[in-house]
Amino acid sequence: MVKRTNKPICHFRLERKLHKKLNSVIIRSGHKSKSDFISALVLSAVSGPDAAEKETGITIPENAKDWIAENTPVLSEEEIRKRLLGMIDTMLMPVVALRGAAIAAESGWKELRREFHEQNGIWLTESEIRDTIEQYELLSKAKLEEHRNSTLNGE
């Protein structure tokens, strides 16, 4: 019986020539398997090359480190959330206050996504944006209620 691990299987496609070259690089570099090598690269993109090398014992090639450094967002999840909440406050607060988070998300998530990318160089997913708009509605109840009341009272 095969023992199952908690690691999900991930499939991707490579052109045949590229696959052969990758196998050669992995073998010549002394890595145990393609999975270990690719896992180290993914960990490097998520945690940084030094952390990946320390955790896996796999040396990340300098060209891969350079590519990761140039193409991986540098903002922490906390900073991304903080900036996104600020943009929601600026761009969608009246819609959230008067129509609710669901309508604000439906009408504004694409524009918010484009604007966030333009300002921060990061593409957020639709679900990240929608979830954050819902969180904004919960976190800003008093502010939204005040805006709603002043708008409805004609102030």
Protein backbone atom coordinates (compact mmCIF):
# COMPACT_ATOMS: atom_id res chain seq x y z
CA MET A 1 0.00 0.00 0.00
CA VAL A 2 1.28 3.44 -0.95
CA LYS A 3 1.53 5.93 1.88
CA ARG A 4 -0.13 9.22 1.02
CA THR A 5 1.44 12.51 1.97
CA ASN A 6 -0.24 15.82 2.63
CA LYS A 7 1.55 17.34 -0.34
CA PRO A 8 -0.83 18.09 -3.21
CA ILE A 9 0.21 17.02 -6.67
CA CYS A 10 0.95 19.84 -9.08
CA HIS A 11 1.10 19.29 -12.83
CA PHE A 12 2.42 21.63 -15.46
CA ARG A 13 3.49 21.38 -19.09
CA LEU A 14 6.89 21.99 -20.60
CA GLU A 15 8.02 21.74 -24.17
CA ARG A 16 9.98 18.54 -24.79
CA LYS A 17 13.31 20.31 -25.44
CA LEU A 18 12.95 22.45 -22.34
CA HIS A 19 12.06 19.40 -20.27
CA LYS A 20 15.20 17.59 -21.43
CA LYS A 21 17.35 20.63 -20.60
CA LEU A 22 15.75 20.92 -17.17
CA ASN A 23 16.42 17.26 -16.45
CA SER A 24 20.06 17.73 -17.47
CA VAL A 25 20.47 20.75 -15.21
CA ILE A 26 18.90 18.91 -12.28
CA ILE A 27 21.03 15.78 -12.75
CA ARG A 28 24.27 17.70 -13.33
CA SER A 29 23.60 19.84 -10.29
CA GLY A 30 23.28 16.75 -8.11
CA HIS A 31 19.67 17.24 -7.06
CA LYS A 32 17.65 14.21 -5.99
CA SER A 33 14.61 14.84 -8.14
CA LYS A 34 12.79 17.31 -10.31
CA SER A 35 10.15 17.66 -7.58
CA ASP A 36 12.72 18.62 -4.96
CA PHE A 37 14.35 21.14 -7.30
CA ILE A 38 11.06 22.75 -8.34
CA SER A 39 9.80 22.77 -4.75
CA ALA A 40 12.96 24.64 -3.74
CA LEU A 41 12.36 27.18 -6.52
CA VAL A 42 8.76 27.68 -5.42
CA LEU A 43 9.81 28.03 -1.79
CA SER A 44 12.42 30.51 -2.95
CA ALA A 45 9.74 32.62 -4.64
CA VAL A 46 7.54 32.48 -1.52
CA SER A 47 10.11 32.79 1.28
CA GLY A 48 13.25 34.02 -0.46
CA PRO A 49 16.23 32.09 -1.84
CA ASP A 50 18.18 32.02 1.42
CA ALA A 51 15.27 30.53 3.36
CA ALA A 52 14.64 27.99 0.61
CA GLU A 53 18.25 26.87 0.52
CA LYS A 54 18.34 26.59 4.30
CA GLU A 55 15.10 24.61 4.50
CA THR A 56 15.68 22.28 1.55
CA GLY A 57 19.46 22.09 1.37
CA ILE A 58 19.19 22.75 -2.36
CA THR A 59 21.34 25.50 -3.84
CA ILE A 60 19.29 27.79 -6.03
CA PRO A 61 21.16 28.80 -9.21
CA GLU A 62 22.14 32.49 -9.34
CA ASN A 63 20.17 33.10 -12.54
CA ALA A 64 17.05 31.69 -10.85
CA LYS A 65 17.68 33.88 -7.79
CA ASP A 66 17.99 36.92 -10.04
CA TRP A 67 14.80 36.08 -11.91
CA ILE A 68 12.89 35.53 -8.67
CA ALA A 69 14.19 38.80 -7.22
CA GLU A 70 13.08 40.72 -10.32
CA ASN A 71 9.69 39.05 -10.74
CA THR A 72 8.41 38.38 -7.24
CA PRO A 73 6.38 40.96 -5.32
CA VAL A 74 8.30 42.51 -2.46
CA LEU A 75 5.31 43.56 -0.37
CA SER A 76 4.29 41.44 2.59
CA GLU A 77 0.74 40.09 2.80
CA GLU A 78 0.12 42.60 5.60
CA GLU A 79 1.31 45.52 3.45
CA ILE A 80 -0.73 44.34 0.45
CA ARG A 81 -3.87 44.14 2.62
CA LYS A 82 -3.19 47.57 4.16
CA ARG A 83 -2.72 49.21 0.75
CA LEU A 84 -5.76 47.46 -0.70
CA LEU A 85 -7.95 48.58 2.21
CA GLY A 86 -6.72 52.15 1.64
CA MET A 87 -7.62 51.98 -2.04
CA ILE A 88 -11.05 50.53 -1.25
CA ASP A 89 -11.60 53.40 1.19
CA THR A 90 -10.64 55.91 -1.49
CA MET A 91 -12.32 54.37 -4.51
CA LEU A 92 -15.30 52.36 -3.28
CA MET A 93 -16.33 53.68 0.14
CA PRO A 94 -19.49 55.47 -1.10
CA VAL A 95 -20.62 52.36 -3.00
CA VAL A 96 -19.98 50.07 -0.02
CA ALA A 97 -21.81 52.51 2.27
CA LEU A 98 -24.88 52.89 0.09
CA ARG A 99 -25.11 49.60 -1.80
CA GLY A 100 -23.03 47.08 0.19
CA ALA A 101 -19.85 45.11 -0.33
CA ALA A 102 -21.31 42.67 -2.88
CA ILE A 103 -22.38 45.42 -5.29
CA ALA A 104 -19.15 47.36 -4.72
CA ALA A 105 -17.12 44.25 -5.50
CA GLU A 106 -19.14 43.44 -8.59
CA SER A 107 -18.88 46.95 -9.99
CA GLY A 108 -15.36 47.86 -8.93
CA TRP A 109 -13.05 44.87 -8.54
CA LYS A 110 -11.56 45.10 -12.07
CA GLU A 111 -10.77 48.79 -11.80
CA LEU A 112 -9.35 48.28 -8.30
CA ARG A 113 -7.20 45.40 -9.60
CA ARG A 114 -5.81 47.52 -12.45
CA GLU A 115 -5.13 50.45 -10.16
CA PHE A 116 -3.41 48.25 -7.56
CA HIS A 117 -1.19 46.77 -10.25
CA GLU A 118 -0.36 50.19 -11.61
CA GLN A 119 0.65 51.48 -8.18
CA ASN A 120 2.32 48.36 -6.76
CA GLY A 121 3.25 46.09 -9.67
CA ILE A 122 1.18 43.21 -8.26
CA TRP A 123 -1.84 41.52 -9.84
CA LEU A 124 -4.36 40.53 -7.18
CA THR A 125 -6.99 37.87 -7.75
CA GLU A 126 -10.68 38.61 -7.96
CA SER A 127 -11.33 36.61 -4.79
CA GLU A 128 -8.62 38.51 -2.85
CA ILE A 129 -10.24 41.79 -3.80
CA ARG A 130 -13.80 40.64 -3.11
CA ASP A 131 -12.81 39.20 0.29
CA THR A 132 -11.02 42.41 1.24
CA ILE A 133 -14.02 44.53 0.24
CA GLU A 134 -16.18 42.38 2.52
CA GLN A 135 -13.63 42.78 5.33
CA TYR A 136 -13.60 46.53 4.73
CA GLU A 137 -17.38 46.62 5.16
CA LEU A 138 -17.07 44.84 8.51
CA LEU A 139 -14.10 46.92 9.72
CA SER A 140 -15.59 50.29 8.72
CA LYS A 141 -19.19 49.96 9.93
CA ALA A 142 -19.22 53.27 11.83
CA LYS A 143 -17.64 55.23 8.96
CA LEU A 144 -19.98 53.66 6.40
CA GLU A 145 -23.04 54.31 8.58
CA GLU A 146 -22.01 57.95 8.98
CA HIS A 147 -21.57 58.36 5.21
CA ARG A 148 -24.89 56.62 4.54
CA ASN A 149 -26.76 58.85 7.01
CA SER A 150 -25.18 62.09 5.73
CA THR A 151 -25.94 61.14 2.13
CA LEU A 152 -29.53 60.12 2.81
CA ASN A 153 -30.12 63.27 4.89
CA GLY A 154 -28.79 65.44 2.06
CA GLU A 155 -25.80 66.79 3.96
